[in-house]
């Protein structure tokens, strides 16, 4: 499930366009911030070879 553009915009504005973990501004890193990079264990897929 992906985040809607409306929610993505609201989150970025609330965070002042910075990573909420390290506080780096997206302009400094030269690429858009990624929101969906953490997958909860409950949503992980298990693969057996």
N, C-alpha and C. Protein backbone atom coordinates (compact mmCIF):
# COMPACT_ATOMS: atom_id res chain seq x y z
N UNK A 1 0.84 -1.18 0.00
CA UNK A 1 0.00 0.00 0.00
C UNK A 1 0.89 1.24 0.00
N UNK A 2 0.63 2.14 -0.90
CA UNK A 2 1.46 3.34 -0.95
C UNK A 2 0.72 4.53 -0.33
N UNK A 3 1.47 5.54 -0.02
CA UNK A 3 0.94 6.74 0.60
C UNK A 3 0.38 7.66 -0.48
N UNK A 4 -0.80 8.21 -0.24
CA UNK A 4 -1.39 9.11 -1.24
C UNK A 4 -0.56 10.39 -1.34
N UNK A 5 -0.67 11.05 -2.48
CA UNK A 5 0.09 12.27 -2.71
C UNK A 5 -0.30 13.36 -1.71
N UNK A 6 -1.58 13.41 -1.35
CA UNK A 6 -2.06 14.41 -0.39
C UNK A 6 -1.39 14.21 0.97
N UNK A 7 -1.38 12.97 1.45
CA UNK A 7 -0.76 12.69 2.75
C UNK A 7 0.74 12.91 2.69
N UNK A 8 1.37 12.50 1.60
CA UNK A 8 2.81 12.72 1.43
C UNK A 8 3.14 14.20 1.53
N UNK A 9 2.35 15.06 0.86
CA UNK A 9 2.58 16.50 0.90
C UNK A 9 2.40 17.05 2.31
N UNK A 10 1.38 16.58 3.01
CA UNK A 10 1.13 17.04 4.38
C UNK A 10 2.27 16.65 5.32
N UNK A 11 2.76 15.44 5.18
CA UNK A 11 3.86 14.97 6.04
C UNK A 11 5.14 15.76 5.75
N UNK A 12 5.46 15.97 4.48
CA UNK A 12 6.66 16.73 4.13
C UNK A 12 6.58 18.16 4.65
N UNK A 13 5.42 18.79 4.51
CA UNK A 13 5.26 20.16 5.01
C UNK A 13 5.40 20.20 6.53
N UNK A 14 4.78 19.26 7.22
CA UNK A 14 4.87 19.21 8.69
C UNK A 14 6.31 19.03 9.15
N UNK A 15 7.10 18.24 8.41
CA UNK A 15 8.49 17.96 8.77
C UNK A 15 9.44 19.03 8.23
N UNK A 16 8.89 20.08 7.60
CA UNK A 16 9.70 21.15 7.03
C UNK A 16 10.68 20.60 5.98
N UNK A 17 10.21 19.62 5.23
CA UNK A 17 10.98 18.99 4.15
C UNK A 17 12.32 18.43 4.63
N UNK A 18 12.31 17.89 5.84
CA UNK A 18 13.50 17.27 6.42
C UNK A 18 13.17 15.83 6.82
N UNK A 19 14.20 15.00 6.84
CA UNK A 19 14.06 13.65 7.37
C UNK A 19 13.74 13.77 8.85
N UNK A 20 12.69 13.09 9.31
CA UNK A 20 12.32 13.19 10.72
C UNK A 20 13.25 12.37 11.61
N UNK A 21 14.11 11.57 11.02
CA UNK A 21 15.08 10.79 11.80
C UNK A 21 16.38 11.57 12.00
N UNK A 22 17.00 12.01 10.90
CA UNK A 22 18.31 12.68 11.00
C UNK A 22 18.24 14.19 10.79
N UNK A 23 17.04 14.70 10.40
CA UNK A 23 16.79 16.13 10.20
C UNK A 23 17.51 16.73 8.99
N UNK A 24 18.02 15.90 8.07
CA UNK A 24 18.66 16.38 6.85
C UNK A 24 17.60 16.93 5.90
N UNK A 25 17.87 18.07 5.32
CA UNK A 25 16.96 18.69 4.37
C UNK A 25 17.07 17.98 3.03
N UNK A 26 15.94 17.77 2.37
CA UNK A 26 15.94 17.06 1.08
C UNK A 26 16.75 17.81 0.02
N UNK A 27 16.85 19.13 0.12
CA UNK A 27 17.66 19.89 -0.84
C UNK A 27 19.14 19.59 -0.68
N UNK A 28 19.59 19.30 0.52
CA UNK A 28 21.00 19.00 0.74
C UNK A 28 21.41 17.66 0.16
N UNK A 29 20.51 16.68 0.21
CA UNK A 29 20.87 15.36 -0.31
C UNK A 29 20.61 15.24 -1.81
N UNK A 30 19.86 16.20 -2.37
CA UNK A 30 19.66 16.23 -3.82
C UNK A 30 18.70 15.20 -4.37
N UNK A 31 17.87 14.64 -3.52
CA UNK A 31 16.87 13.68 -3.98
C UNK A 31 15.65 13.74 -3.06
N UNK A 32 14.52 13.27 -3.53
CA UNK A 32 13.32 13.32 -2.69
C UNK A 32 13.45 12.40 -1.48
N UNK A 33 12.78 12.77 -0.41
CA UNK A 33 12.76 11.94 0.79
C UNK A 33 11.90 10.70 0.54
N UNK A 34 12.27 9.58 1.11
CA UNK A 34 11.54 8.32 0.95
C UNK A 34 10.77 8.05 2.23
N UNK A 35 9.48 7.79 2.10
CA UNK A 35 8.64 7.55 3.28
C UNK A 35 8.38 6.08 3.52
N UNK A 36 8.41 5.29 2.50
CA UNK A 36 7.98 3.90 2.62
C UNK A 36 9.14 2.93 2.69
N UNK A 37 10.22 3.28 3.36
CA UNK A 37 11.39 2.44 3.36
C UNK A 37 11.43 1.43 4.50
N UNK A 38 10.48 1.49 5.42
CA UNK A 38 10.44 0.55 6.53
C UNK A 38 9.21 -0.33 6.38
N UNK A 39 9.44 -1.63 6.30
CA UNK A 39 8.34 -2.59 6.21
C UNK A 39 8.18 -3.28 7.56
N UNK A 40 7.00 -3.20 8.16
CA UNK A 40 6.81 -3.86 9.45
C UNK A 40 6.95 -5.38 9.32
N UNK A 41 7.44 -6.03 10.36
CA UNK A 41 7.61 -7.48 10.33
C UNK A 41 6.31 -8.19 10.01
N UNK A 42 5.19 -7.63 10.47
CA UNK A 42 3.88 -8.26 10.21
C UNK A 42 3.52 -8.27 8.74
N UNK A 43 4.13 -7.38 7.94
CA UNK A 43 3.83 -7.31 6.51
C UNK A 43 4.92 -7.97 5.67
N UNK A 44 5.96 -8.48 6.29
CA UNK A 44 7.07 -9.09 5.56
C UNK A 44 6.65 -10.42 4.95
N UNK A 45 7.24 -10.71 3.81
CA UNK A 45 6.99 -11.98 3.12
C UNK A 45 8.13 -12.93 3.44
N UNK A 46 7.80 -14.15 3.82
CA UNK A 46 8.83 -15.15 4.13
C UNK A 46 9.02 -16.02 2.90
N UNK A 47 10.27 -16.18 2.50
CA UNK A 47 10.59 -17.00 1.35
C UNK A 47 11.55 -18.11 1.75
N UNK A 48 11.26 -19.33 1.36
CA UNK A 48 12.12 -20.47 1.67
C UNK A 48 12.75 -21.00 0.39
N UNK A 49 13.84 -20.31 -0.01
CA UNK A 49 14.67 -20.73 -1.12
C UNK A 49 13.99 -20.99 -2.35
